[in-house]
Amino acid sequence: MIDTITRTAWSSRTSVGTALLLTEIIDLRAELRQDLAALGDELAGLRRHMNEHLTAIRSELLRGQRKFRRRKMH
């Protein structure tokens, strides 16, 4: 009888522990998904920002190149 009670109590604790662990894993996965989504948004913003800077730098270089060619021809 004591063995049965002990096994039942142990089984109940194990089930509760497993349920808590699964809940924690589910919560961590949800947080990870949110963090990865936010990181993706940040990277997309950085990509746009860097493309804007690259476009401005290219334009500036092309203007400088045209000015240099005009001076060289004269």
Protein backbone atom coordinates (compact mmCIF):
# COMPACT_ATOMS: atom_id res chain seq x y z
CA MET A 1 0.00 0.00 0.00
CA ILE A 2 2.76 2.47 0.91
CA ASP A 3 4.56 1.60 -2.33
CA THR A 4 1.43 2.34 -4.33
CA ILE A 5 0.92 5.68 -2.57
CA THR A 6 4.58 6.57 -3.08
CA ARG A 7 4.47 5.65 -6.78
CA THR A 8 1.23 7.60 -7.24
CA ALA A 9 2.65 10.68 -5.51
CA TRP A 10 5.88 10.40 -7.53
CA SER A 11 3.90 10.00 -10.75
CA SER A 12 1.76 13.04 -9.91
CA ARG A 13 4.84 15.16 -9.17
CA THR A 14 6.48 13.97 -12.36
CA SER A 15 3.36 14.81 -14.38
CA VAL A 16 3.16 18.27 -12.82
CA GLY A 17 6.87 18.81 -13.40
CA THR A 18 6.54 17.71 -17.02
CA ALA A 19 3.55 20.00 -17.54
CA LEU A 20 5.45 22.95 -16.05
CA LEU A 21 8.47 22.19 -18.20
CA LEU A 22 6.34 21.99 -21.34
CA THR A 23 4.66 25.27 -20.45
CA GLU A 24 8.05 26.90 -19.98
CA ILE A 25 9.26 25.57 -23.32
CA ILE A 26 6.14 26.85 -25.08
CA ASP A 27 6.61 30.29 -23.49
CA LEU A 28 10.29 30.38 -24.48
CA ARG A 29 9.47 29.41 -28.05
CA ALA A 30 6.86 32.19 -28.25
CA GLU A 31 9.37 34.73 -26.91
CA LEU A 32 11.99 33.49 -29.35
CA ARG A 33 9.58 33.86 -32.27
CA GLN A 34 8.79 37.42 -31.21
CA ASP A 35 12.47 38.26 -30.80
CA LEU A 36 13.31 36.81 -34.21
CA ALA A 37 10.46 38.74 -35.82
CA ALA A 38 11.70 41.96 -34.20
CA LEU A 39 15.24 41.20 -35.34
CA GLY A 40 13.97 40.67 -38.89
CA ASP A 41 12.23 44.05 -38.75
CA GLU A 42 15.39 45.72 -37.45
CA LEU A 43 17.49 44.14 -40.20
CA ALA A 44 15.01 45.25 -42.87
CA GLY A 45 15.17 48.80 -41.51
CA LEU A 46 18.96 48.72 -41.45
CA ARG A 47 19.03 47.41 -45.03
CA ARG A 48 16.78 50.28 -46.20
CA HIS A 49 18.87 52.80 -44.29
CA MET A 50 22.13 51.49 -45.76
CA ASN A 51 20.65 51.45 -49.28
CA GLU A 52 19.67 55.11 -48.89
CA HIS A 53 23.22 55.98 -47.83
CA LEU A 54 24.71 53.93 -50.67
CA THR A 55 22.45 55.67 -53.19
CA ALA A 56 23.51 59.08 -51.87
CA ILE A 57 27.20 58.12 -51.95
CA ARG A 58 26.91 56.80 -55.53
CA SER A 59 25.21 60.01 -56.64
CA GLU A 60 27.92 62.09 -55.00
CA LEU A 61 30.66 60.02 -56.65
CA LEU A 62 29.02 60.30 -60.06
CA ARG A 63 28.71 64.08 -59.69
CA GLY A 64 32.36 64.29 -58.70
CA GLN A 65 33.37 62.11 -61.62
CA ARG A 66 31.47 64.33 -64.08
CA LYS A 67 33.07 67.47 -62.63
CA PHE A 68 36.50 65.85 -62.88
CA ARG A 69 35.95 64.90 -66.53
CA ARG A 70 34.77 68.43 -67.41
CA ARG A 71 37.85 69.97 -65.76
CA LYS A 72 40.12 67.48 -67.48
CA MET A 73 38.66 68.32 -70.91
CA HIS A 74 39.26 72.05 -70.50
